[in-house]
Full PDB file with SEQRES, HELIX, SHEET, SSBOND, CRYST1, ORIGX, SCALE, CONECT and MASTER records, all heavy atoms in Angstrom:
SEQRES   1 A   42  LEU VAL GLN ALA GLY GLU SER LEU ARG LEU SER CYS ALA          
SEQRES   2 A   42  ALA SER GLY PHE ILE PHE GLY LEU LYS PHE MET ARG TRP          
SEQRES   3 A   42  TYR ARG GLN ALA PRO GLY ASN GLU ARG GLU LEU VAL ALA          
SEQRES   4 A   42  GLY ILE THR                                                  
HELIX    1 AA1 PHE A   19  LEU A   21  5                                   3    
SHEET    1 AA1 2 MET A  24  ARG A  28  0                                        
SHEET    2 AA1 2 GLU A  36  ILE A  41 -1                                        
CRYST1    1.000    1.000    1.000  90.00  90.00  90.00 P 1           1          
ORIGX1      1.000000  0.000000  0.000000        0.00000                         
ORIGX2      0.000000  1.000000  0.000000        0.00000                         
ORIGX3      0.000000  0.000000  1.000000        0.00000                         
SCALE1      1.000000  0.000000  0.000000        0.00000                         
SCALE2      0.000000  1.000000  0.000000        0.00000                         
SCALE3      0.000000  0.000000  1.000000        0.00000                         
ATOM      1  N   LEU A   1      14.683   2.325   5.255  1.00  0.00           N  
ATOM      2  CA  LEU A   1      15.393   1.230   5.912  1.00  0.00           C  
ATOM      3  C   LEU A   1      15.206   1.367   7.413  1.00  0.00           C  
ATOM      4  O   LEU A   1      15.541   2.418   7.992  1.00  0.00           O  
ATOM      5  CB  LEU A   1      16.874   1.291   5.551  1.00  0.00           C  
ATOM      6  CG  LEU A   1      17.802   0.338   6.306  1.00  0.00           C  
ATOM      7  CD1 LEU A   1      17.440  -1.108   6.020  1.00  0.00           C  
ATOM      8  CD2 LEU A   1      19.258   0.619   5.934  1.00  0.00           C  
ATOM      9  N   VAL A   2      14.652   0.330   8.035  1.00  0.00           N  
ATOM     10  CA  VAL A   2      14.435   0.336   9.472  1.00  0.00           C  
ATOM     11  C   VAL A   2      14.886  -0.993  10.061  1.00  0.00           C  
ATOM     12  O   VAL A   2      15.104  -1.964   9.321  1.00  0.00           O  
ATOM     13  CB  VAL A   2      12.946   0.569   9.840  1.00  0.00           C  
ATOM     14  CG1 VAL A   2      12.493   1.941   9.380  1.00  0.00           C  
ATOM     15  CG2 VAL A   2      12.068  -0.527   9.272  1.00  0.00           C  
ATOM     16  N   GLN A   3      15.008  -1.016  11.376  1.00  0.00           N  
ATOM     17  CA  GLN A   3      15.330  -2.265  12.056  1.00  0.00           C  
ATOM     18  C   GLN A   3      14.046  -2.983  12.461  1.00  0.00           C  
ATOM     19  O   GLN A   3      12.976  -2.369  12.584  1.00  0.00           O  
ATOM     20  CB  GLN A   3      16.177  -1.972  13.288  1.00  0.00           C  
ATOM     21  CG  GLN A   3      17.562  -1.443  12.969  1.00  0.00           C  
ATOM     22  CD  GLN A   3      18.433  -1.318  14.198  1.00  0.00           C  
ATOM     23  OE1 GLN A   3      17.953  -1.027  15.280  1.00  0.00           O  
ATOM     24  NE2 GLN A   3      19.733  -1.553  14.021  1.00  0.00           N  
ATOM     25  N   ALA A   4      14.171  -4.277  12.648  1.00  0.00           N  
ATOM     26  CA  ALA A   4      13.026  -5.072  13.090  1.00  0.00           C  
ATOM     27  C   ALA A   4      12.440  -4.473  14.369  1.00  0.00           C  
ATOM     28  O   ALA A   4      13.179  -4.058  15.271  1.00  0.00           O  
ATOM     29  CB  ALA A   4      13.452  -6.511  13.319  1.00  0.00           C  
ATOM     30  N   GLY A   5      11.107  -4.417  14.403  1.00  0.00           N  
ATOM     31  CA  GLY A   5      10.404  -3.862  15.546  1.00  0.00           C  
ATOM     32  C   GLY A   5      10.044  -2.398  15.414  1.00  0.00           C  
ATOM     33  O   GLY A   5       9.223  -1.888  16.195  1.00  0.00           O  
ATOM     34  N   GLU A   6      10.645  -1.727  14.448  1.00  0.00           N  
ATOM     35  CA  GLU A   6      10.358  -0.309  14.239  1.00  0.00           C  
ATOM     36  C   GLU A   6       9.129  -0.125  13.357  1.00  0.00           C  
ATOM     37  O   GLU A   6       8.498  -1.097  12.929  1.00  0.00           O  
ATOM     38  CB  GLU A   6      11.584   0.390  13.661  1.00  0.00           C  
ATOM     39  CG  GLU A   6      12.757   0.411  14.630  1.00  0.00           C  
ATOM     40  CD  GLU A   6      13.946   1.194  14.108  1.00  0.00           C  
ATOM     41  OE1 GLU A   6      14.042   1.382  12.875  1.00  0.00           O  
ATOM     42  OE2 GLU A   6      14.786   1.607  14.927  1.00  0.00           O  
ATOM     43  N   SER A   7       8.799   1.145  13.108  1.00  0.00           N  
ATOM     44  CA  SER A   7       7.575   1.473  12.372  1.00  0.00           C  
ATOM     45  C   SER A   7       7.879   2.374  11.183  1.00  0.00           C  
ATOM     46  O   SER A   7       8.886   3.088  11.166  1.00  0.00           O  
ATOM     47  CB  SER A   7       6.587   2.195  13.301  1.00  0.00           C  
ATOM     48  OG  SER A   7       6.231   1.393  14.405  1.00  0.00           O  
ATOM     49  N   LEU A   8       6.989   2.333  10.225  1.00  0.00           N  
ATOM     50  CA  LEU A   8       6.987   3.243   9.085  1.00  0.00           C  
ATOM     51  C   LEU A   8       5.547   3.571   8.732  1.00  0.00           C  
ATOM     52  O   LEU A   8       4.648   2.754   8.964  1.00  0.00           O  
ATOM     53  CB  LEU A   8       7.665   2.635   7.862  1.00  0.00           C  
ATOM     54  CG  LEU A   8       9.182   2.590   7.785  1.00  0.00           C  
ATOM     55  CD1 LEU A   8       9.631   1.793   6.563  1.00  0.00           C  
ATOM     56  CD2 LEU A   8       9.769   3.998   7.727  1.00  0.00           C  
ATOM     57  N   ARG A   9       5.360   4.748   8.153  1.00  0.00           N  
ATOM     58  CA  ARG A   9       4.048   5.129   7.638  1.00  0.00           C  
ATOM     59  C   ARG A   9       4.183   5.470   6.164  1.00  0.00           C  
ATOM     60  O   ARG A   9       4.883   6.410   5.799  1.00  0.00           O  
ATOM     61  CB  ARG A   9       3.496   6.329   8.397  1.00  0.00           C  
ATOM     62  CG  ARG A   9       2.052   6.657   8.049  1.00  0.00           C  
ATOM     63  CD  ARG A   9       1.678   8.025   8.550  1.00  0.00           C  
ATOM     64  NE  ARG A   9       0.252   8.262   8.585  1.00  0.00           N  
ATOM     65  CZ  ARG A   9      -0.288   9.476   8.537  1.00  0.00           C  
ATOM     66  NH1 ARG A   9       0.478  10.542   8.465  1.00  0.00           N  
ATOM     67  NH2 ARG A   9      -1.606   9.616   8.590  1.00  0.00           N  
ATOM     68  N   LEU A  10       3.499   4.692   5.341  1.00  0.00           N  
ATOM     69  CA  LEU A  10       3.483   4.940   3.912  1.00  0.00           C  
ATOM     70  C   LEU A  10       2.288   5.810   3.553  1.00  0.00           C  
ATOM     71  O   LEU A  10       1.232   5.713   4.179  1.00  0.00           O  
ATOM     72  CB  LEU A  10       3.399   3.626   3.142  1.00  0.00           C  
ATOM     73  CG  LEU A  10       4.456   2.565   3.466  1.00  0.00           C  
ATOM     74  CD1 LEU A  10       4.273   1.365   2.531  1.00  0.00           C  
ATOM     75  CD2 LEU A  10       5.838   3.122   3.362  1.00  0.00           C  
ATOM     76  N   SER A  11       2.475   6.627   2.523  1.00  0.00           N  
ATOM     77  CA  SER A  11       1.397   7.457   2.003  1.00  0.00           C  
ATOM     78  C   SER A  11       1.254   7.201   0.509  1.00  0.00           C  
ATOM     79  O   SER A  11       2.236   6.878  -0.167  1.00  0.00           O  
ATOM     80  CB  SER A  11       1.688   8.939   2.221  1.00  0.00           C  
ATOM     81  OG  SER A  11       1.818   9.250   3.587  1.00  0.00           O  
ATOM     82  N   CYS A  12       0.051   7.366   0.025  1.00  0.00           N  
ATOM     83  CA  CYS A  12      -0.208   7.273  -1.413  1.00  0.00           C  
ATOM     84  C   CYS A  12      -1.134   8.427  -1.789  1.00  0.00           C  
ATOM     85  O   CYS A  12      -2.307   8.451  -1.376  1.00  0.00           O  
ATOM     86  CB  CYS A  12      -0.840   5.942  -1.764  1.00  0.00           C  
ATOM     87  SG  CYS A  12      -1.412   5.825  -3.476  1.00  0.00           S  
ATOM     88  N   ALA A  13      -0.588   9.371  -2.533  1.00  0.00           N  
ATOM     89  CA  ALA A  13      -1.361  10.524  -2.990  1.00  0.00           C  
ATOM     90  C   ALA A  13      -1.976  10.197  -4.342  1.00  0.00           C  
ATOM     91  O   ALA A  13      -1.265   9.787  -5.270  1.00  0.00           O  
ATOM     92  CB  ALA A  13      -0.470  11.745  -3.092  1.00  0.00           C  
ATOM     93  N   ALA A  14      -3.285  10.377  -4.440  1.00  0.00           N  
ATOM     94  CA  ALA A  14      -4.020   9.997  -5.647  1.00  0.00           C  
ATOM     95  C   ALA A  14      -4.568  11.225  -6.362  1.00  0.00           C  
ATOM     96  O   ALA A  14      -4.909  12.233  -5.729  1.00  0.00           O  
ATOM     97  CB  ALA A  14      -5.157   9.058  -5.279  1.00  0.00           C  
ATOM     98  N   SER A  15      -4.675  11.119  -7.674  1.00  0.00           N  
ATOM     99  CA  SER A  15      -5.287  12.181  -8.471  1.00  0.00           C  
ATOM    100  C   SER A  15      -5.829  11.590  -9.748  1.00  0.00           C  
ATOM    101  O   SER A  15      -5.493  10.464 -10.138  1.00  0.00           O  
ATOM    102  CB  SER A  15      -4.265  13.282  -8.780  1.00  0.00           C  
ATOM    103  OG  SER A  15      -3.179  12.760  -9.506  1.00  0.00           O  
ATOM    104  N   GLY A  16      -6.710  12.355 -10.393  1.00  0.00           N  
ATOM    105  CA  GLY A  16      -7.236  11.935 -11.679  1.00  0.00           C  
ATOM    106  C   GLY A  16      -8.517  11.127 -11.628  1.00  0.00           C  
ATOM    107  O   GLY A  16      -8.998  10.669 -12.667  1.00  0.00           O  
ATOM    108  N   PHE A  17      -9.054  10.935 -10.441  1.00  0.00           N  
ATOM    109  CA  PHE A  17     -10.325  10.224 -10.292  1.00  0.00           C  
ATOM    110  C   PHE A  17     -10.971  10.687  -8.996  1.00  0.00           C  
ATOM    111  O   PHE A  17     -10.350  11.389  -8.192  1.00  0.00           O  
ATOM    112  CB  PHE A  17     -10.123   8.708 -10.298  1.00  0.00           C  
ATOM    113  CG  PHE A  17      -9.268   8.178  -9.171  1.00  0.00           C  
ATOM    114  CD1 PHE A  17      -9.845   7.616  -8.038  1.00  0.00           C  
ATOM    115  CD2 PHE A  17      -7.883   8.219  -9.251  1.00  0.00           C  
ATOM    116  CE1 PHE A  17      -9.065   7.120  -7.005  1.00  0.00           C  
ATOM    117  CE2 PHE A  17      -7.090   7.722  -8.229  1.00  0.00           C  
ATOM    118  CZ  PHE A  17      -7.676   7.186  -7.096  1.00  0.00           C  
ATOM    119  N   ILE A  18     -12.224  10.286  -8.804  1.00  0.00           N  
ATOM    120  CA  ILE A  18     -12.949  10.703  -7.592  1.00  0.00           C  
ATOM    121  C   ILE A  18     -12.528   9.777  -6.452  1.00  0.00           C  
ATOM    122  O   ILE A  18     -13.123   8.723  -6.216  1.00  0.00           O  
ATOM    123  CB  ILE A  18     -14.461  10.677  -7.815  1.00  0.00           C  
ATOM    124  CG1 ILE A  18     -14.817  11.536  -9.029  1.00  0.00           C  
ATOM    125  CG2 ILE A  18     -15.191  11.209  -6.574  1.00  0.00           C  
ATOM    126  CD1 ILE A  18     -16.269  11.488  -9.430  1.00  0.00           C  
ATOM    127  N   PHE A  19     -11.493  10.175  -5.757  1.00  0.00           N  
ATOM    128  CA  PHE A  19     -10.848   9.337  -4.749  1.00  0.00           C  
ATOM    129  C   PHE A  19     -11.844   8.862  -3.692  1.00  0.00           C  
ATOM    130  O   PHE A  19     -11.824   7.697  -3.294  1.00  0.00           O  
ATOM    131  CB  PHE A  19      -9.722  10.138  -4.091  1.00  0.00           C  
ATOM    132  CG  PHE A  19      -9.016   9.410  -2.978  1.00  0.00           C  
ATOM    133  CD1 PHE A  19      -8.028   8.477  -3.261  1.00  0.00           C  
ATOM    134  CD2 PHE A  19      -9.339   9.663  -1.654  1.00  0.00           C  
ATOM    135  CE1 PHE A  19      -7.371   7.810  -2.237  1.00  0.00           C  
ATOM    136  CE2 PHE A  19      -8.690   9.002  -0.621  1.00  0.00           C  
ATOM    137  CZ  PHE A  19      -7.701   8.072  -0.922  1.00  0.00           C  
ATOM    138  N   GLY A  20     -12.705   9.735  -3.236  1.00  0.00           N  
ATOM    139  CA  GLY A  20     -13.600   9.411  -2.133  1.00  0.00           C  
ATOM    140  C   GLY A  20     -14.595   8.309  -2.432  1.00  0.00           C  
ATOM    141  O   GLY A  20     -15.224   7.781  -1.521  1.00  0.00           O  
ATOM    142  N   LEU A  21     -14.713   7.923  -3.688  1.00  0.00           N  
ATOM    143  CA  LEU A  21     -15.669   6.885  -4.061  1.00  0.00           C  
ATOM    144  C   LEU A  21     -15.030   5.522  -4.279  1.00  0.00           C  
ATOM    145  O   LEU A  21     -15.743   4.535  -4.479  1.00  0.00           O  
ATOM    146  CB  LEU A  21     -16.405   7.286  -5.350  1.00  0.00           C  
ATOM    147  CG  LEU A  21     -17.243   8.551  -5.298  1.00  0.00           C  
ATOM    148  CD1 LEU A  21     -17.911   8.786  -6.652  1.00  0.00           C  
ATOM    149  CD2 LEU A  21     -18.289   8.468  -4.184  1.00  0.00           C  
ATOM    150  N   LYS A  22     -13.701   5.455  -4.242  1.00  0.00           N  
ATOM    151  CA  LYS A  22     -13.023   4.242  -4.678  1.00  0.00           C  
ATOM    152  C   LYS A  22     -12.415   3.434  -3.543  1.00  0.00           C  
ATOM    153  O   LYS A  22     -11.865   3.981  -2.580  1.00  0.00           O  
ATOM    154  CB  LYS A  22     -11.913   4.582  -5.676  1.00  0.00           C  
ATOM    155  CG  LYS A  22     -12.387   5.280  -6.935  1.00  0.00           C  
ATOM    156  CD  LYS A  22     -13.462   4.492  -7.669  1.00  0.00           C  
ATOM    157  CE  LYS A  22     -12.928   3.219  -8.270  1.00  0.00           C  
ATOM    158  NZ  LYS A  22     -13.973   2.525  -9.079  1.00  0.00           N  
ATOM    159  N   PHE A  23     -12.520   2.122  -3.688  1.00  0.00           N  
ATOM    160  CA  PHE A  23     -11.821   1.176  -2.828  1.00  0.00           C  
ATOM    161  C   PHE A  23     -10.336   1.243  -3.173  1.00  0.00           C  
ATOM    162  O   PHE A  23      -9.964   1.165  -4.345  1.00  0.00           O  
ATOM    163  CB  PHE A  23     -12.382  -0.231  -3.077  1.00  0.00           C  
ATOM    164  CG  PHE A  23     -11.844  -1.294  -2.157  1.00  0.00           C  
ATOM    165  CD1 PHE A  23     -12.526  -1.619  -0.996  1.00  0.00           C  
ATOM    166  CD2 PHE A  23     -10.680  -1.977  -2.452  1.00  0.00           C  
ATOM    167  CE1 PHE A  23     -12.060  -2.615  -0.145  1.00  0.00           C  
ATOM    168  CE2 PHE A  23     -10.205  -2.976  -1.612  1.00  0.00           C  
ATOM    169  CZ  PHE A  23     -10.890  -3.290  -0.456  1.00  0.00           C  
ATOM    170  N   MET A  24      -9.492   1.369  -2.181  1.00  0.00           N  
ATOM    171  CA  MET A  24      -8.056   1.465  -2.389  1.00  0.00           C  
ATOM    172  C   MET A  24      -7.362   0.259  -1.759  1.00  0.00           C  
ATOM    173  O   MET A  24      -7.813  -0.261  -0.725  1.00  0.00           O  
ATOM    174  CB  MET A  24      -7.504   2.755  -1.771  1.00  0.00           C  
ATOM    175  CG  MET A  24      -8.091   4.032  -2.330  1.00  0.00           C  
ATOM    176  SD  MET A  24      -7.701   4.275  -4.077  1.00  0.00           S  
ATOM    177  CE  MET A  24      -5.918   4.408  -4.027  1.00  0.00           C  
ATOM    178  N   ARG A  25      -6.271  -0.160  -2.380  1.00  0.00           N  
ATOM    179  CA  ARG A  25      -5.528  -1.322  -1.891  1.00  0.00           C  
ATOM    180  C   ARG A  25      -4.045  -1.013  -1.771  1.00  0.00           C  
ATOM    181  O   ARG A  25      -3.519  -0.184  -2.521  1.00  0.00           O  
ATOM    182  CB  ARG A  25      -5.688  -2.511  -2.849  1.00  0.00           C  
ATOM    183  CG  ARG A  25      -7.095  -3.017  -2.993  1.00  0.00           C  
ATOM    184  CD  ARG A  25      -7.167  -4.090  -4.080  1.00  0.00           C  
ATOM    185  NE  ARG A  25      -8.501  -4.645  -4.243  1.00  0.00           N  
ATOM    186  CZ  ARG A  25      -9.437  -4.117  -5.010  1.00  0.00           C  
ATOM    187  NH1 ARG A  25      -9.200  -2.998  -5.681  1.00  0.00           N  
ATOM    188  NH2 ARG A  25     -10.617  -4.696  -5.092  1.00  0.00           N  
ATOM    189  N   TRP A  26      -3.400  -1.696  -0.848  1.00  0.00           N  
ATOM    190  CA  TRP A  26      -1.942  -1.731  -0.763  1.00  0.00           C  
ATOM    191  C   TRP A  26      -1.478  -3.153  -1.089  1.00  0.00           C  
ATOM    192  O   TRP A  26      -2.013  -4.128  -0.553  1.00  0.00           O  
ATOM    193  CB  TRP A  26      -1.469  -1.373   0.645  1.00  0.00           C  
ATOM    194  CG  TRP A  26      -1.514   0.077   0.973  1.00  0.00           C  
ATOM    195  CD1 TRP A  26      -2.488   0.741   1.676  1.00  0.00           C  
ATOM    196  CD2 TRP A  26      -0.533   1.060   0.637  1.00  0.00           C  
ATOM    197  NE1 TRP A  26      -2.170   2.063   1.787  1.00  0.00           N  
ATOM    198  CE2 TRP A  26      -0.974   2.291   1.158  1.00  0.00           C  
ATOM    199  CE3 TRP A  26       0.678   1.035  -0.053  1.00  0.00           C  
ATOM    200  CZ2 TRP A  26      -0.252   3.480   1.011  1.00  0.00           C  
ATOM    201  CZ3 TRP A  26       1.393   2.200  -0.194  1.00  0.00           C  
ATOM    202  CH2 TRP A  26       0.929   3.403   0.335  1.00  0.00           C  
ATOM    203  N   TYR A  27      -0.480  -3.224  -1.961  1.00  0.00           N  
ATOM    204  CA  TYR A  27       0.173  -4.484  -2.299  1.00  0.00           C  
ATOM    205  C   TYR A  27       1.651  -4.362  -1.964  1.00  0.00           C  
ATOM    206  O   TYR A  27       2.179  -3.267  -1.788  1.00  0.00           O  
ATOM    207  CB  TYR A  27       0.053  -4.767  -3.801  1.00  0.00           C  
ATOM    208  CG  TYR A  27      -1.284  -5.248  -4.274  1.00  0.00           C  
ATOM    209  CD1 TYR A  27      -2.339  -4.360  -4.472  1.00  0.00           C  
ATOM    210  CD2 TYR A  27      -1.502  -6.589  -4.592  1.00  0.00           C  
ATOM    211  CE1 TYR A  27      -3.573  -4.798  -4.928  1.00  0.00           C  
ATOM    212  CE2 TYR A  27      -2.732  -7.034  -5.067  1.00  0.00           C  
ATOM    213  CZ  TYR A  27      -3.749  -6.139  -5.231  1.00  0.00           C  
ATOM    214  OH  TYR A  27      -4.967  -6.574  -5.696  1.00  0.00           O  
ATOM    215  N   ARG A  28       2.312  -5.501  -1.944  1.00  0.00           N  
ATOM    216  CA  ARG A  28       3.771  -5.498  -1.829  1.00  0.00           C  
ATOM    217  C   ARG A  28       4.347  -6.622  -2.675  1.00  0.00           C  
ATOM    218  O   ARG A  28       3.684  -7.617  -2.952  1.00  0.00           O  
ATOM    219  CB  ARG A  28       4.223  -5.641  -0.380  1.00  0.00           C  
ATOM    220  CG  ARG A  28       3.926  -6.983   0.267  1.00  0.00           C  
ATOM    221  CD  ARG A  28       4.308  -6.949   1.747  1.00  0.00           C  
ATOM    222  NE  ARG A  28       4.044  -8.226   2.406  1.00  0.00           N  
ATOM    223  CZ  ARG A  28       4.176  -8.409   3.716  1.00  0.00           C  
ATOM    224  NH1 ARG A  28       4.562  -7.399   4.508  1.00  0.00           N  
ATOM    225  NH2 ARG A  28       3.922  -9.594   4.238  1.00  0.00           N  
ATOM    226  N   GLN A  29       5.610  -6.423  -3.065  1.00  0.00           N  
ATOM    227  CA  GLN A  29       6.298  -7.430  -3.865  1.00  0.00           C  
ATOM    228  C   GLN A  29       7.745  -7.514  -3.421  1.00  0.00           C  
ATOM    229  O   GLN A  29       8.491  -6.537  -3.518  1.00  0.00           O  
ATOM    230  CB  GLN A  29       6.223  -7.100  -5.355  1.00  0.00           C  
ATOM    231  CG  GLN A  29       6.760  -8.199  -6.239  1.00  0.00           C  
ATOM    232  CD  GLN A  29       6.391  -8.005  -7.694  1.00  0.00           C  
ATOM    233  OE1 GLN A  29       6.066  -6.904  -8.125  1.00  0.00           O  
ATOM    234  NE2 GLN A  29       6.433  -9.087  -8.452  1.00  0.00           N  
ATOM    235  N   ALA A  30       8.097  -8.687  -2.925  1.00  0.00           N  
ATOM    236  CA  ALA A  30       9.476  -8.958  -2.531  1.00  0.00           C  
ATOM    237  C   ALA A  30      10.203  -9.591  -3.715  1.00  0.00           C  
ATOM    238  O   ALA A  30       9.565 -10.196  -4.588  1.00  0.00           O  
ATOM    239  CB  ALA A  30       9.499  -9.891  -1.331  1.00  0.00           C  
ATOM    240  N   PRO A  31      11.525  -9.473  -3.762  1.00  0.00           N  
ATOM    241  CA  PRO A  31      12.290 -10.047  -4.874  1.00  0.00           C  
ATOM    242  C   PRO A  31      11.997 -11.538  -5.045  1.00  0.00           C  
ATOM    243  O   PRO A  31      12.025 -12.299  -4.069  1.00  0.00           O  
ATOM    244  CB  PRO A  31      13.743  -9.811  -4.459  1.00  0.00           C  
ATOM    245  CG  PRO A  31      13.686  -8.630  -3.557  1.00  0.00           C  
ATOM    246  CD  PRO A  31      12.400  -8.744  -2.819  1.00  0.00           C  
ATOM    247  N   GLY A  32      11.678 -11.931  -6.273  1.00  0.00           N  
ATOM    248  CA  GLY A  32      11.406 -13.324  -6.557  1.00  0.00           C  
ATOM    249  C   GLY A  32      10.018 -13.794  -6.210  1.00  0.00           C  
ATOM    250  O   GLY A  32       9.679 -14.954  -6.448  1.00  0.00           O  
ATOM    251  N   ASN A  33       9.220 -12.891  -5.645  1.00  0.00           N  
ATOM    252  CA  ASN A  33       7.856 -13.260  -5.248  1.00  0.00           C  
ATOM    253  C   ASN A  33       6.833 -12.540  -6.110  1.00  0.00           C  
ATOM    254  O   ASN A  33       7.120 -11.509  -6.718  1.00  0.00           O  
ATOM    255  CB  ASN A  33       7.612 -12.892  -3.778  1.00  0.00           C  
ATOM    256  CG  ASN A  33       8.390 -13.771  -2.823  1.00  0.00           C  
ATOM    257  OD1 ASN A  33       9.120 -14.669  -3.237  1.00  0.00           O  
ATOM    258  ND2 ASN A  33       8.232 -13.504  -1.540  1.00  0.00           N  
ATOM    259  N   GLU A  34       5.621 -13.082  -6.099  1.00  0.00           N  
ATOM    260  CA  GLU A  34       4.519 -12.407  -6.765  1.00  0.00           C  
ATOM    261  C   GLU A  34       4.038 -11.237  -5.902  1.00  0.00           C  
ATOM    262  O   GLU A  34       4.251 -11.202  -4.690  1.00  0.00           O  
ATOM    263  CB  GLU A  34       3.379 -13.381  -7.011  1.00  0.00           C  
ATOM    264  CG  GLU A  34       3.702 -14.480  -7.998  1.00  0.00           C  
ATOM    265  CD  GLU A  34       2.493 -15.325  -8.329  1.00  0.00           C  
ATOM    266  OE1 GLU A  34       1.421 -15.114  -7.734  1.00  0.00           O  
ATOM    267  OE2 GLU A  34       2.618 -16.217  -9.190  1.00  0.00           O  
ATOM    268  N   ARG A  35       3.387 -10.307  -6.551  1.00  0.00           N  
ATOM    269  CA  ARG A  35       2.804  -9.187  -5.823  1.00  0.00           C  
ATOM    270  C   ARG A  35       1.648  -9.721  -4.979  1.00  0.00           C  
ATOM    271  O   ARG A  35       0.811 -10.487  -5.474  1.00  0.00           O  
ATOM    272  CB  ARG A  35       2.314  -8.129  -6.806  1.00  0.00           C  
ATOM    273  CG  ARG A  35       2.080  -6.775  -6.209  1.00  0.00           C  
ATOM    274  CD  ARG A  35       1.885  -5.720  -7.288  1.00  0.00           C  
ATOM    275  NE  ARG A  35       3.119  -5.475  -8.035  1.00  0.00           N  
ATOM    276  CZ  ARG A  35       3.275  -4.452  -8.871  1.00  0.00           C  
ATOM    277  NH1 ARG A  35       2.291  -3.586  -9.054  1.00  0.00           N  
ATOM    278  NH2 ARG A  35       4.401  -4.300  -9.521  1.00  0.00           N  
ATOM    279  N   GLU A  36       1.622  -9.317  -3.708  1.00  0.00           N  
ATOM    280  CA  GLU A  36       0.581  -9.821  -2.820  1.00  0.00           C  
ATOM    281  C   GLU A  36      -0.208  -8.666  -2.212  1.00  0.00           C  
ATOM    282  O   GLU A  36       0.339  -7.603  -1.912  1.00  0.00           O  
ATOM    283  CB  GLU A  36       1.179 -10.693  -1.701  1.00  0.00           C  
ATOM    284  CG  GLU A  36       2.091  -9.966  -0.743  1.00  0.00           C  
ATOM    285  CD  GLU A  36       2.403 -10.753   0.523  1.00  0.00           C  
ATOM    286  OE1 GLU A  36       1.573 -11.605   0.918  1.00  0.00           O  
ATOM    287  OE2 GLU A  36       3.463 -10.492   1.120  1.00  0.00           O  
ATOM    288  N   LEU A  37      -1.492  -8.934  -2.019  1.00  0.00           N  
ATOM    289  CA  LEU A  37      -2.374  -7.950  -1.406  1.00  0.00           C  
ATOM    290  C   LEU A  37      -2.116  -7.891   0.095  1.00  0.00           C  
ATOM    291  O   LEU A  37      -2.086  -8.915   0.766  1.00  0.00           O  
ATOM    292  CB  LEU A  37      -3.827  -8.316  -1.675  1.00  0.00           C  
ATOM    293  CG  LEU A  37      -4.896  -7.408  -1.091  1.00  0.00           C  
ATOM    294  CD1 LEU A  37      -4.800  -5.998  -1.669  1.00  0.00           C  
ATOM    295  CD2 LEU A  37      -6.278  -7.995  -1.377  1.00  0.00           C  
ATOM    296  N   VAL A  38      -1.940  -6.673   0.596  1.00  0.00           N  
ATOM    297  CA  VAL A  38      -1.637  -6.484   2.007  1.00  0.00           C  
ATOM    298  C   VAL A  38      -2.843  -5.947   2.765  1.00  0.00           C  
ATOM    299  O   VAL A  38      -3.175  -6.423   3.850  1.00  0.00           O  
ATOM    300  CB  VAL A  38      -0.448  -5.519   2.165  1.00  0.00           C  
ATOM    301  CG1 VAL A  38      -0.224  -5.150   3.626  1.00  0.00           C  
ATOM    302  CG2 VAL A  38       0.815  -6.118   1.567  1.00  0.00           C  
ATOM    303  N   ALA A  39      -3.487  -4.925   2.181  1.00  0.00           N  
ATOM    304  CA  ALA A  39      -4.591  -4.273   2.884  1.00  0.00           C  
ATOM    305  C   ALA A  39      -5.497  -3.593   1.882  1.00  0.00           C  
ATOM    306  O   ALA A  39      -5.078  -3.249   0.775  1.00  0.00           O  
ATOM    307  CB  ALA A  39      -4.057  -3.240   3.885  1.00  0.00           C  
ATOM    308  N   GLY A  40      -6.746  -3.400   2.313  1.00  0.00           N  
ATOM    309  CA  GLY A  40      -7.694  -2.662   1.493  1.00  0.00           C  
ATOM    310  C   GLY A  40      -8.562  -1.791   2.373  1.00  0.00           C  
ATOM    311  O   GLY A  40      -8.716  -2.046   3.574  1.00  0.00           O  
ATOM    312  N   ILE A  41      -9.125  -0.745   1.772  1.00  0.00           N  
ATOM    313  CA  ILE A  41      -9.978   0.156   2.536  1.00  0.00           C  
ATOM    314  C   ILE A  41     -11.091   0.655   1.631  1.00  0.00           C  
ATOM    315  O   ILE A  41     -10.842   1.105   0.507  1.00  0.00           O  
ATOM    316  CB  ILE A  41      -9.165   1.313   3.155  1.00  0.00           C  
ATOM    317  CG1 ILE A  41     -10.052   2.178   4.051  1.00  0.00           C  
ATOM    318  CG2 ILE A  41      -8.449   2.145   2.095  1.00  0.00           C  
ATOM    319  CD1 ILE A  41      -9.256   3.125   4.953  1.00  0.00           C  
ATOM    320  N   THR A  42     -12.320   0.563   2.125  1.00  0.00           N  
ATOM    321  CA  THR A  42     -13.464   1.026   1.349  1.00  0.00           C  
ATOM    322  C   THR A  42     -13.529   2.551   1.368  1.00  0.00           C  
ATOM    323  O   THR A  42     -12.790   3.214   2.107  1.00  0.00           O  
ATOM    324  CB  THR A  42     -14.768   0.450   1.918  1.00  0.00           C  
ATOM    325  OG1 THR A  42     -14.999   1.025   3.222  1.00  0.00           O  
ATOM    326  CG2 THR A  42     -14.708  -1.068   2.049  1.00  0.00           C  
TER     327      THR A  42                                                      
MASTER        0    0    0    1    2    0    0    6  326    1    0    4          
END                                                                             
């Protein structure tokens, strides 16, 4: 929980596959909304 204008850093720890070869994505879903793509990284 933060106030408007502040920052956060999210992390996602992966296992079970060759992480360095895979395109990774971040999505988000707000209440009542569909899941939306936020960012991707090759």
